[in-house]
Amino acid sequence: MRPGFEGGQLPLIKRLPEKRGFTNRFRIEYNVVNVNQLSQFEAGSEVTPEKLVEARILKSLRKPVKVLANGEIDRAITVKANKFSAAAKAKIEAAGGKVEEINETKAE
């Protein structure tokens, strides 16, 4: 007999569908900011997570900030965030800006 055979009745794994799969307890969820959202800042300015909250791009600073490459940017700005996608880093630097990674982790 194969493992999991229960004598013809519906197996336990099919009776409990919410128990299927895997949830990574150590996954880090990020606040996502796209490059096109950074276009509302003035050229030469420094964009920090605090300024993103002031500009109402982010709701809170509970999660770390990750910048993604959706959209275009035409200004040279300095962006400080916890993570950057490779394409976002390339777009910001191509526009003449700077990218700085912050390694602050806040304990909750």
PDB file of N, CA and C in Angstrom:
ATOM      1  N   MET A   1       0.834  -1.187   0.000  1.00  0.00           N
ATOM      2  CA  MET A   1       0.000   0.000   0.000  1.00  0.00           C
ATOM      3  C   MET A   1       0.880   1.253   0.000  1.00  0.00           C
ATOM      4  N   ARG A   2       0.356   2.278  -0.628  1.00  0.00           N
ATOM      5  CA  ARG A   2       1.130   3.516  -0.711  1.00  0.00           C
ATOM      6  C   ARG A   2       0.958   4.333   0.571  1.00  0.00           C
ATOM      7  N   PRO A   3       1.934   5.178   0.878  1.00  0.00           N
ATOM      8  CA  PRO A   3       1.794   6.031   2.062  1.00  0.00           C
ATOM      9  C   PRO A   3       0.632   7.008   1.872  1.00  0.00           C
ATOM     10  N   GLY A   4      -0.130   7.253   2.913  1.00  0.00           N
ATOM     11  CA  GLY A   4      -1.252   8.175   2.845  1.00  0.00           C
ATOM     12  C   GLY A   4      -2.557   7.494   2.496  1.00  0.00           C
ATOM     13  N   PHE A   5      -2.525   6.183   2.168  1.00  0.00           N
ATOM     14  CA  PHE A   5      -3.769   5.464   1.854  1.00  0.00           C
ATOM     15  C   PHE A   5      -4.510   5.218   3.158  1.00  0.00           C
ATOM     16  N   GLU A   6      -5.790   5.560   3.170  1.00  0.00           N
ATOM     17  CA  GLU A   6      -6.577   5.461   4.395  1.00  0.00           C
ATOM     18  C   GLU A   6      -7.769   4.524   4.231  1.00  0.00           C
ATOM     19  N   GLY A   7      -7.587   3.456   3.470  1.00  0.00           N
ATOM     20  CA  GLY A   7      -8.626   2.443   3.366  1.00  0.00           C
ATOM     21  C   GLY A   7      -9.819   2.857   2.538  1.00  0.00           C
ATOM     22  N   GLY A   8      -9.684   3.767   1.610  1.00  0.00           N
ATOM     23  CA  GLY A   8     -10.775   4.149   0.740  1.00  0.00           C
ATOM     24  C   GLY A   8     -11.517   5.397   1.177  1.00  0.00           C
ATOM     25  N   GLN A   9     -11.351   5.831   2.420  1.00  0.00           N
ATOM     26  CA  GLN A   9     -11.999   7.074   2.831  1.00  0.00           C
ATOM     27  C   GLN A   9     -11.201   8.260   2.295  1.00  0.00           C
ATOM     28  N   LEU A  10     -11.806   9.435   2.340  1.00  0.00           N
ATOM     29  CA  LEU A  10     -11.145  10.634   1.835  1.00  0.00           C
ATOM     30  C   LEU A  10      -9.914  10.918   2.694  1.00  0.00           C
ATOM     31  N   PRO A  11      -8.725  11.011   2.076  1.00  0.00           N
ATOM     32  CA  PRO A  11      -7.503  11.217   2.854  1.00  0.00           C
ATOM     33  C   PRO A  11      -7.532  12.533   3.640  1.00  0.00           C
ATOM     34  N   LEU A  12      -6.794  12.552   4.738  1.00  0.00           N
ATOM     35  CA  LEU A  12      -6.746  13.698   5.629  1.00  0.00           C
ATOM     36  C   LEU A  12      -6.288  14.959   4.907  1.00  0.00           C
ATOM     37  N   ILE A  13      -5.312  14.839   4.010  1.00  0.00           N
ATOM     38  CA  ILE A  13      -4.775  16.020   3.332  1.00  0.00           C
ATOM     39  C   ILE A  13      -5.827  16.662   2.426  1.00  0.00           C
ATOM     40  N   LYS A  14      -6.772  15.881   1.928  1.00  0.00           N
ATOM     41  CA  LYS A  14      -7.846  16.455   1.105  1.00  0.00           C
ATOM     42  C   LYS A  14      -8.990  16.991   1.964  1.00  0.00           C
ATOM     43  N   ARG A  15      -9.128  16.489   3.170  1.00  0.00           N
ATOM     44  CA  ARG A  15     -10.180  16.981   4.063  1.00  0.00           C
ATOM     45  C   ARG A  15      -9.813  18.319   4.701  1.00  0.00           C
ATOM     46  N   LEU A  16      -8.526  18.624   4.768  1.00  0.00           N
ATOM     47  CA  LEU A  16      -8.060  19.859   5.399  1.00  0.00           C
ATOM     48  C   LEU A  16      -7.303  20.709   4.367  1.00  0.00           C
ATOM     49  N   PRO A  17      -7.984  21.348   3.434  1.00  0.00           N
ATOM     50  CA  PRO A  17      -7.279  22.079   2.377  1.00  0.00           C
ATOM     51  C   PRO A  17      -6.470  23.265   2.890  1.00  0.00           C
ATOM     52  N   GLU A  18      -6.847  23.861   4.011  1.00  0.00           N
ATOM     53  CA  GLU A  18      -6.098  25.018   4.519  1.00  0.00           C
ATOM     54  C   GLU A  18      -4.734  24.628   5.058  1.00  0.00           C
ATOM     55  N   LYS A  19      -4.504  23.347   5.256  1.00  0.00           N
ATOM     56  CA  LYS A  19      -3.221  22.890   5.794  1.00  0.00           C
ATOM     57  C   LYS A  19      -2.198  22.596   4.709  1.00  0.00           C
ATOM     58  N   ARG A  20      -2.592  22.700   3.442  1.00  0.00           N
ATOM     59  CA  ARG A  20      -1.656  22.413   2.358  1.00  0.00           C
ATOM     60  C   ARG A  20      -0.676  23.571   2.181  1.00  0.00           C
ATOM     61  N   GLY A  21       0.466  23.268   1.626  1.00  0.00           N
ATOM     62  CA  GLY A  21       1.424  24.304   1.288  1.00  0.00           C
ATOM     63  C   GLY A  21       2.366  24.639   2.430  1.00  0.00           C
ATOM     64  N   PHE A  22       3.081  25.716   2.249  1.00  0.00           N
ATOM     65  CA  PHE A  22       4.132  26.113   3.174  1.00  0.00           C
ATOM     66  C   PHE A  22       4.116  27.622   3.314  1.00  0.00           C
ATOM     67  N   THR A  23       4.239  28.112   4.531  1.00  0.00           N
ATOM     68  CA  THR A  23       4.345  29.542   4.789  1.00  0.00           C
ATOM     69  C   THR A  23       5.693  29.798   5.455  1.00  0.00           C
ATOM     70  N   ASN A  24       6.493  30.608   4.819  1.00  0.00           N
ATOM     71  CA  ASN A  24       7.814  30.923   5.345  1.00  0.00           C
ATOM     72  C   ASN A  24       7.682  31.945   6.472  1.00  0.00           C
ATOM     73  N   ARG A  25       8.031  31.547   7.681  1.00  0.00           N
ATOM     74  CA  ARG A  25       7.917  32.446   8.828  1.00  0.00           C
ATOM     75  C   ARG A  25       8.935  33.571   8.788  1.00  0.00           C
ATOM     76  N   PHE A  26      10.018  33.377   8.057  1.00  0.00           N
ATOM     77  CA  PHE A  26      11.111  34.341   8.045  1.00  0.00           C
ATOM     78  C   PHE A  26      11.070  35.273   6.839  1.00  0.00           C
ATOM     79  N   ARG A  27       9.962  35.260   6.091  1.00  0.00           N
ATOM     80  CA  ARG A  27       9.825  36.118   4.926  1.00  0.00           C
ATOM     81  C   ARG A  27       9.775  37.580   5.366  1.00  0.00           C
ATOM     82  N   ILE A  28      10.437  38.434   4.619  1.00  0.00           N
ATOM     83  CA  ILE A  28      10.429  39.863   4.910  1.00  0.00           C
ATOM     84  C   ILE A  28       9.485  40.537   3.921  1.00  0.00           C
ATOM     85  N   GLU A  29       8.481  41.226   4.426  1.00  0.00           N
ATOM     86  CA  GLU A  29       7.575  41.970   3.564  1.00  0.00           C
ATOM     87  C   GLU A  29       8.040  43.420   3.501  1.00  0.00           C
ATOM     88  N   TYR A  30       8.010  43.978   2.295  1.00  0.00           N
ATOM     89  CA  TYR A  30       8.508  45.330   2.060  1.00  0.00           C
ATOM     90  C   TYR A  30       7.379  46.282   1.689  1.00  0.00           C
ATOM     91  N   ASN A  31       7.566  47.571   2.018  1.00  0.00           N
ATOM     92  CA  ASN A  31       6.765  48.639   1.425  1.00  0.00           C
ATOM     93  C   ASN A  31       7.368  48.870   0.048  1.00  0.00           C
ATOM     94  N   VAL A  32       6.553  48.810  -0.989  1.00  0.00           N
ATOM     95  CA  VAL A  32       7.057  48.916  -2.354  1.00  0.00           C
ATOM     96  C   VAL A  32       6.851  50.329  -2.879  1.00  0.00           C
ATOM     97  N   VAL A  33       7.915  50.895  -3.460  1.00  0.00           N
ATOM     98  CA  VAL A  33       7.864  52.210  -4.097  1.00  0.00           C
ATOM     99  C   VAL A  33       8.397  52.030  -5.509  1.00  0.00           C
ATOM    100  N   ASN A  34       7.653  52.516  -6.494  1.00  0.00           N
ATOM    101  CA  ASN A  34       8.112  52.428  -7.875  1.00  0.00           C
ATOM    102  C   ASN A  34       8.859  53.696  -8.264  1.00  0.00           C
ATOM    103  N   VAL A  35       9.719  53.573  -9.272  1.00  0.00           N
ATOM    104  CA  VAL A  35      10.553  54.692  -9.711  1.00  0.00           C
ATOM    105  C   VAL A  35       9.700  55.870 -10.177  1.00  0.00           C
ATOM    106  N   ASN A  36       8.559  55.593 -10.819  1.00  0.00           N
ATOM    107  CA  ASN A  36       7.732  56.709 -11.300  1.00  0.00           C
ATOM    108  C   ASN A  36       7.135  57.518 -10.151  1.00  0.00           C
ATOM    109  N   GLN A  37       6.987  56.929  -8.957  1.00  0.00           N
ATOM    110  CA  GLN A  37       6.486  57.680  -7.808  1.00  0.00           C
ATOM    111  C   GLN A  37       7.533  58.653  -7.269  1.00  0.00           C
ATOM    112  N   LEU A  38       8.792  58.409  -7.578  1.00  0.00           N
ATOM    113  CA  LEU A  38       9.863  59.295  -7.110  1.00  0.00           C
ATOM    114  C   LEU A  38       9.963  60.567  -7.948  1.00  0.00           C
ATOM    115  N   SER A  39       9.236  60.610  -9.063  1.00  0.00           N
ATOM    116  CA  SER A  39       9.291  61.780  -9.951  1.00  0.00           C
ATOM    117  C   SER A  39       8.663  63.023  -9.341  1.00  0.00           C
ATOM    118  N   GLN A  40       7.889  62.883  -8.275  1.00  0.00           N
ATOM    119  CA  GLN A  40       7.256  64.061  -7.679  1.00  0.00           C
ATOM    120  C   GLN A  40       8.228  64.841  -6.789  1.00  0.00           C
ATOM    121  N   PHE A  41       9.396  64.294  -6.511  1.00  0.00           N
ATOM    122  CA  PHE A  41      10.397  65.016  -5.727  1.00  0.00           C
ATOM    123  C   PHE A  41      11.223  65.902  -6.647  1.00  0.00           C
ATOM    124  N   GLU A  42      11.727  67.001  -6.107  1.00  0.00           N
ATOM    125  CA  GLU A  42      12.504  67.954  -6.899  1.00  0.00           C
ATOM    126  C   GLU A  42      13.878  67.382  -7.242  1.00  0.00           C
ATOM    127  N   ALA A  43      14.442  67.860  -8.325  1.00  0.00           N
ATOM    128  CA  ALA A  43      15.776  67.433  -8.735  1.00  0.00           C
ATOM    129  C   ALA A  43      16.797  67.851  -7.678  1.00  0.00           C
ATOM    130  N   GLY A  44      17.721  66.975  -7.361  1.00  0.00           N
ATOM    131  CA  GLY A  44      18.755  67.258  -6.378  1.00  0.00           C
ATOM    132  C   GLY A  44      18.344  66.984  -4.948  1.00  0.00           C
ATOM    133  N   SER A  45      17.109  66.577  -4.714  1.00  0.00           N
ATOM    134  CA  SER A  45      16.661  66.330  -3.343  1.00  0.00           C
ATOM    135  C   SER A  45      17.058  64.929  -2.887  1.00  0.00           C
ATOM    136  N   GLU A  46      17.008  64.752  -1.574  1.00  0.00           N
ATOM    137  CA  GLU A  46      17.330  63.458  -0.974  1.00  0.00           C
ATOM    138  C   GLU A  46      16.020  62.810  -0.522  1.00  0.00           C
ATOM    139  N   VAL A  47      15.746  61.603  -1.014  1.00  0.00           N
ATOM    140  CA  VAL A  47      14.506  60.900  -0.706  1.00  0.00           C
ATOM    141  C   VAL A  47      14.810  59.818   0.330  1.00  0.00           C
ATOM    142  N   THR A  48      14.207  59.949   1.506  1.00  0.00           N
ATOM    143  CA  THR A  48      14.362  58.969   2.578  1.00  0.00           C
ATOM    144  C   THR A  48      12.995  58.347   2.863  1.00  0.00           C
ATOM    145  N   PRO A  49      12.952  57.238   3.598  1.00  0.00           N
ATOM    146  CA  PRO A  49      11.646  56.664   3.951  1.00  0.00           C
ATOM    147  C   PRO A  49      10.737  57.644   4.694  1.00  0.00           C
ATOM    148  N   GLU A  50      11.315  58.510   5.525  1.00  0.00           N
ATOM    149  CA  GLU A  50      10.512  59.502   6.243  1.00  0.00           C
ATOM    150  C   GLU A  50       9.859  60.493   5.274  1.00  0.00           C
ATOM    151  N   LYS A  51      10.607  60.906   4.247  1.00  0.00           N
ATOM    152  CA  LYS A  51      10.051  61.837   3.259  1.00  0.00           C
ATOM    153  C   LYS A  51       8.990  61.155   2.401  1.00  0.00           C
ATOM    154  N   LEU A  52       9.107  59.854   2.195  1.00  0.00           N
ATOM    155  CA  LEU A  52       8.083  59.125   1.454  1.00  0.00           C
ATOM    156  C   LEU A  52       6.769  59.075   2.233  1.00  0.00           C
ATOM    157  N   VAL A  53       6.864  59.003   3.554  1.00  0.00           N
ATOM    158  CA  VAL A  53       5.662  59.028   4.387  1.00  0.00           C
ATOM    159  C   VAL A  53       5.051  60.430   4.367  1.00  0.00           C
ATOM    160  N   GLU A  54       5.888  61.463   4.444  1.00  0.00           N
ATOM    161  CA  GLU A  54       5.393  62.844   4.390  1.00  0.00           C
ATOM    162  C   GLU A  54       4.684  63.128   3.064  1.00  0.00           C
ATOM    163  N   ALA A  55       5.204  62.546   1.964  1.00  0.00           N
ATOM    164  CA  ALA A  55       4.614  62.754   0.641  1.00  0.00           C
ATOM    165  C   ALA A  55       3.422  61.830   0.404  1.00  0.00           C
ATOM    166  N   ARG A  56       3.084  61.019   1.399  1.00  0.00           N
ATOM    167  CA  ARG A  56       1.962  60.075   1.363  1.00  0.00           C
ATOM    168  C   ARG A  56       2.103  59.008   0.282  1.00  0.00           C
ATOM    169  N   ILE A  57       3.336  58.675  -0.036  1.00  0.00           N
ATOM    170  CA  ILE A  57       3.580  57.543  -0.929  1.00  0.00           C
ATOM    171  C   ILE A  57       3.521  56.252  -0.105  1.00  0.00           C
ATOM    172  N   LEU A  58       4.023  56.330   1.134  1.00  0.00           N
ATOM    173  CA  LEU A  58       3.938  55.203   2.067  1.00  0.00           C
ATOM    174  C   LEU A  58       3.012  55.571   3.214  1.00  0.00           C
ATOM    175  N   LYS A  59       2.383  54.557   3.800  1.00  0.00           N
ATOM    176  CA  LYS A  59       1.492  54.809   4.933  1.00  0.00           C
ATOM    177  C   LYS A  59       2.242  54.814   6.254  1.00  0.00           C
ATOM    178  N   SER A  60       3.210  53.900   6.410  1.00  0.00           N
ATOM    179  CA  SER A  60       3.947  53.829   7.669  1.00  0.00           C
ATOM    180  C   SER A  60       5.352  53.304   7.402  1.00  0.00           C
ATOM    181  N   LEU A  61       6.154  53.327   8.446  1.00  0.00           N
ATOM    182  CA  LEU A  61       7.532  52.851   8.348  1.00  0.00           C
ATOM    183  C   LEU A  61       7.725  51.516   9.068  1.00  0.00           C
ATOM    184  N   ARG A  62       6.639  50.774   9.300  1.00  0.00           N
ATOM    185  CA  ARG A  62       6.757  49.495   9.994  1.00  0.00           C
ATOM    186  C   ARG A  62       7.543  48.476   9.199  1.00  0.00           C
ATOM    187  N   LYS A  63       7.394  48.514   7.867  1.00  0.00           N
ATOM    188  CA  LYS A  63       8.092  47.578   6.991  1.00  0.00           C
ATOM    189  C   LYS A  63       9.260  48.290   6.320  1.00  0.00           C
ATOM    190  N   PRO A  64      10.305  47.558   5.958  1.00  0.00           N
ATOM    191  CA  PRO A  64      11.395  48.181   5.206  1.00  0.00           C
ATOM    192  C   PRO A  64      10.930  48.585   3.802  1.00  0.00           C
ATOM    193  N   VAL A  65      11.662  49.491   3.170  1.00  0.00           N
ATOM    194  CA  VAL A  65      11.276  50.057   1.875  1.00  0.00           C
ATOM    195  C   VAL A  65      12.097  49.422   0.761  1.00  0.00           C
ATOM    196  N   LYS A  66      11.403  49.009  -0.310  1.00  0.00           N
ATOM    197  CA  LYS A  66      12.076  48.484  -1.488  1.00  0.00           C
ATOM    198  C   LYS A  66      11.643  49.287  -2.702  1.00  0.00           C
ATOM    199  N   VAL A  67      12.614  49.720  -3.520  1.00  0.00           N
ATOM    200  CA  VAL A  67      12.335  50.509  -4.714  1.00  0.00           C
ATOM    201  C   VAL A  67      12.376  49.576  -5.919  1.00  0.00           C
ATOM    202  N   LEU A  68      11.287  49.587  -6.704  1.00  0.00           N
ATOM    203  CA  LEU A  68      11.184  48.772  -7.906  1.00  0.00           C
ATOM    204  C   LEU A  68      11.216  49.660  -9.144  1.00  0.00           C
ATOM    205  N   ALA A  69      11.427  49.057 -10.316  1.00  0.00           N
ATOM    206  CA  ALA A  69      11.718  49.810 -11.538  1.00  0.00           C
ATOM    207  C   ALA A  69      10.523  50.105 -12.422  1.00  0.00           C
ATOM    208  N   ASN A  70       9.313  50.114 -11.908  1.00  0.00           N
ATOM    209  CA  ASN A  70       8.140  50.379 -12.736  1.00  0.00           C
ATOM    210  C   ASN A  70       8.059  51.873 -13.047  1.00  0.00           C
ATOM    211  N   GLY A  71       8.129  52.239 -14.303  1.00  0.00           N
ATOM    212  CA  GLY A  71       8.044  53.641 -14.711  1.00  0.00           C
ATOM    213  C   GLY A  71       9.401  54.219 -15.056  1.00  0.00           C
ATOM    214  N   GLU A  72       9.406  55.518 -15.290  1.00  0.00           N
ATOM    215  CA  GLU A  72      10.629  56.234 -15.673  1.00  0.00           C
ATOM    216  C   GLU A  72      10.876  57.382 -14.709  1.00  0.00           C
ATOM    217  N   ILE A  73      12.135  57.801 -14.649  1.00  0.00           N
ATOM    218  CA  ILE A  73      12.501  58.961 -13.826  1.00  0.00           C
ATOM    219  C   ILE A  73      13.399  59.852 -14.671  1.00  0.00           C
ATOM    220  N   ASP A  74      13.201  61.172 -14.554  1.00  0.00           N
ATOM    221  CA  ASP A  74      13.967  62.111 -15.376  1.00  0.00           C
ATOM    222  C   ASP A  74      14.742  63.108 -14.530  1.00  0.00           C
ATOM    223  N   ARG A  75      14.832  62.863 -13.217  1.00  0.00           N
ATOM    224  CA  ARG A  75      15.500  63.795 -12.311  1.00  0.00           C
ATOM    225  C   ARG A  75      16.646  63.113 -11.600  1.00  0.00           C
ATOM    226  N   ALA A  76      17.656  63.892 -11.275  1.00  0.00           N
ATOM    227  CA  ALA A  76      18.782  63.372 -10.501  1.00  0.00           C
ATOM    228  C   ALA A  76      18.472  63.567  -9.023  1.00  0.00           C
ATOM    229  N   ILE A  77      18.136  62.489  -8.333  1.00  0.00           N
ATOM    230  CA  ILE A  77      17.842  62.543  -6.907  1.00  0.00           C
ATOM    231  C   ILE A  77      18.639  61.471  -6.182  1.00  0.00           C
ATOM    232  N   THR A  78      18.817  61.662  -4.887  1.00  0.00           N
ATOM    233  CA  THR A  78      19.478  60.673  -4.045  1.00  0.00           C
ATOM    234  C   THR A  78      18.391  59.905  -3.310  1.00  0.00           C
ATOM    235  N   VAL A  79      18.375  58.591  -3.487  1.00  0.00           N
ATOM    236  CA  VAL A  79      17.338  57.759  -2.888  1.00  0.00           C
ATOM    237  C   VAL A  79      17.969  56.862  -1.833  1.00  0.00           C
ATOM    238  N   LYS A  80      17.400  56.904  -0.613  1.00  0.00           N
ATOM    239  CA  LYS A  80      17.851  56.033   0.472  1.00  0.00           C
ATOM    240  C   LYS A  80      16.718  55.079   0.803  1.00  0.00           C
ATOM    241  N   ALA A  81      16.981  53.776   0.682  1.00  0.00           N
ATOM    242  CA  ALA A  81      15.971  52.759   0.976  1.00  0.00           C
ATOM    243  C   ALA A  81      16.689  51.495   1.450  1.00  0.00           C
ATOM    244  N   ASN A  82      15.917  50.525   1.943  1.00  0.00           N
ATOM    245  CA  ASN A  82      16.499  49.288   2.441  1.00  0.00           C
ATOM    246  C   ASN A  82      16.945  48.364   1.315  1.00  0.00           C
ATOM    247  N   LYS A  83      16.171  48.317   0.228  1.00  0.00           N
ATOM    248  CA  LYS A  83      16.512  47.452  -0.904  1.00  0.00           C
ATOM    249  C   LYS A  83      16.156  48.141  -2.206  1.00  0.00           C
ATOM    250  N   PHE A  84      16.853  47.741  -3.285  1.00  0.00           N
ATOM    251  CA  PHE A  84      16.589  48.227  -4.629  1.00  0.00           C
ATOM    252  C   PHE A  84      16.632  47.049  -5.580  1.00  0.00           C
ATOM    253  N   SER A  85      15.752  47.042  -6.572  1.00  0.00           N
ATOM    254  CA  SER A  85      15.902  46.055  -7.630  1.00  0.00           C
ATOM    255  C   SER A  85      17.041  46.547  -8.524  1.00  0.00           C
ATOM    256  N   ALA A  86      17.648  45.619  -9.251  1.00  0.00           N
ATOM    257  CA  ALA A  86      18.788  45.982 -10.101  1.00  0.00           C
ATOM    258  C   ALA A  86      18.371  46.976 -11.179  1.00  0.00           C
ATOM    259  N   ALA A  87      17.183  46.791 -11.740  1.00  0.00           N
ATOM    260  CA  ALA A  87      16.706  47.695 -12.790  1.00  0.00           C
ATOM    261  C   ALA A  87      16.403  49.081 -12.229  1.00  0.00           C
ATOM    262  N   ALA A  88      15.868  49.150 -11.007  1.00  0.00           N
ATOM    263  CA  ALA A  88      15.578  50.453 -10.392  1.00  0.00           C
ATOM    264  C   ALA A  88      16.876  51.206 -10.119  1.00  0.00           C
ATOM    265  N   LYS A  89      17.874  50.484  -9.640  1.00  0.00           N
ATOM    266  CA  LYS A  89      19.176  51.098  -9.384  1.00  0.00           C
ATOM    267  C   LYS A  89      19.756  51.660 -10.680  1.00  0.00           C
ATOM    268  N   ALA A  90      19.633  50.906 -11.758  1.00  0.00           N
ATOM    269  CA  ALA A  90      20.163  51.346 -13.051  1.00  0.00           C
ATOM    270  C   ALA A  90      19.415  52.579 -13.569  1.00  0.00           C
ATOM    271  N   LYS A  91      18.092  52.630 -13.403  1.00  0.00           N
ATOM    272  CA  LYS A  91      17.305  53.772 -13.889  1.00  0.00           C
ATOM    273  C   LYS A  91      17.624  55.045 -13.114  1.00  0.00           C
ATOM    274  N   ILE A  92      17.771  54.920 -11.801  1.00  0.00           N
ATOM    275  CA  ILE A  92      18.070  56.097 -10.977  1.00  0.00           C
ATOM    276  C   ILE A  92      19.454  56.634 -11.312  1.00  0.00           C
ATOM    277  N   GLU A  93      20.425  55.733 -11.455  1.00  0.00           N
ATOM    278  CA  GLU A  93      21.788  56.167 -11.776  1.00  0.00           C
ATOM    279  C   GLU A  93      21.892  56.697 -13.204  1.00  0.00           C
ATOM    280  N   ALA A  94      21.086  56.166 -14.130  1.00  0.00           N
ATOM    281  CA  ALA A  94      21.085  56.669 -15.509  1.00  0.00           C
ATOM    282  C   ALA A  94      20.525  58.088 -15.576  1.00  0.00           C
ATOM    283  N   ALA A  95      19.636  58.436 -14.658  1.00  0.00           N
ATOM    284  CA  ALA A  95      19.076  59.794 -14.616  1.00  0.00           C
ATOM    285  C   ALA A  95      20.020  60.756 -13.903  1.00  0.00           C
ATOM    286  N   GLY A  96      21.160  60.262 -13.413  1.00  0.00           N
ATOM    287  CA  GLY A  96      22.135  61.118 -12.739  1.00  0.00           C
ATOM    288  C   GLY A  96      22.005  61.114 -11.227  1.00  0.00           C
ATOM    289  N   GLY A  97      21.177  60.260 -10.686  1.00  0.00           N
ATOM    290  CA  GLY A  97      20.970  60.210  -9.242  1.00  0.00           C
ATOM    291  C   GLY A  97      21.884  59.225  -8.545  1.00  0.00           C
ATOM    292  N   LYS A  98      21.717  59.135  -7.220  1.00  0.00           N
ATOM    293  CA  LYS A  98      22.521  58.227  -6.403  1.00  0.00           C
ATOM    294  C   LYS A  98      21.601  57.277  -5.661  1.00  0.00           C
ATOM    295  N   VAL A  99      22.122  56.096  -5.362  1.00  0.00           N
ATOM    296  CA  VAL A  99      21.371  55.079  -4.634  1.00  0.00           C
ATOM    297  C   VAL A  99      22.157  54.725  -3.380  1.00  0.00           C
ATOM    298  N   GLU A 100      21.491  54.776  -2.212  1.00  0.00           N
ATOM    299  CA  GLU A 100      22.143  54.405  -0.952  1.00  0.00           C
ATOM    300  C   GLU A 100      21.259  53.418  -0.215  1.00  0.00           C
ATOM    301  N   GLU A 101      21.842  52.284   0.163  1.00  0.00           N
ATOM    302  CA  GLU A 101      21.081  51.289   0.913  1.00  0.00           C
ATOM    303  C   GLU A 101      21.212  51.535   2.407  1.00  0.00           C
ATOM    304  N   ILE A 102      20.067  51.495   3.086  1.00  0.00           N
ATOM    305  CA  ILE A 102      20.018  51.644   4.542  1.00  0.00           C
ATOM    306  C   ILE A 102      19.929  50.240   5.123  1.00  0.00           C
ATOM    307  N   ASN A 103      20.703  49.944   6.139  1.00  0.00           N
ATOM    308  CA  ASN A 103      20.641  48.618   6.745  1.00  0.00           C
ATOM    309  C   ASN A 103      20.058  48.655   8.138  1.00  0.00           C
ATOM    310  N   GLU A 104      19.105  49.542   8.351  1.00  0.00           N
ATOM    311  CA  GLU A 104      18.453  49.627   9.653  1.00  0.00           C
ATOM    312  C   GLU A 104      17.340  48.611   9.720  1.00  0.00           C
ATOM    313  N   THR A 105      17.321  47.841  10.783  1.00  0.00           N
ATOM    314  CA  THR A 105      16.196  46.936  11.014  1.00  0.00           C
ATOM    315  C   THR A 105      15.568  47.310  12.333  1.00  0.00           C
ATOM    316  N   LYS A 106      14.273  47.560  12.307  1.00  0.00           N
ATOM    317  CA  LYS A 106      13.574  47.975  13.511  1.00  0.00           C
ATOM    318  C   LYS A 106      12.923  46.762  14.156  1.00  0.00           C
ATOM    319  N   ALA A 107      13.162  46.573  15.441  1.00  0.00           N
ATOM    320  CA  ALA A 107      12.533  45.481  16.171  1.00  0.00           C
ATOM    321  C   ALA A 107      11.109  45.860  16.513  1.00  0.00           C
ATOM    322  N   GLU A 108      10.208  44.929  16.273  1.00  0.00           N
ATOM    323  CA  GLU A 108       8.797  45.230  16.560  1.00  0.00           C
ATOM    324  C   GLU A 108       8.398  44.656  17.885  1.00  0.00           C
TER     325      GLU A 108
END
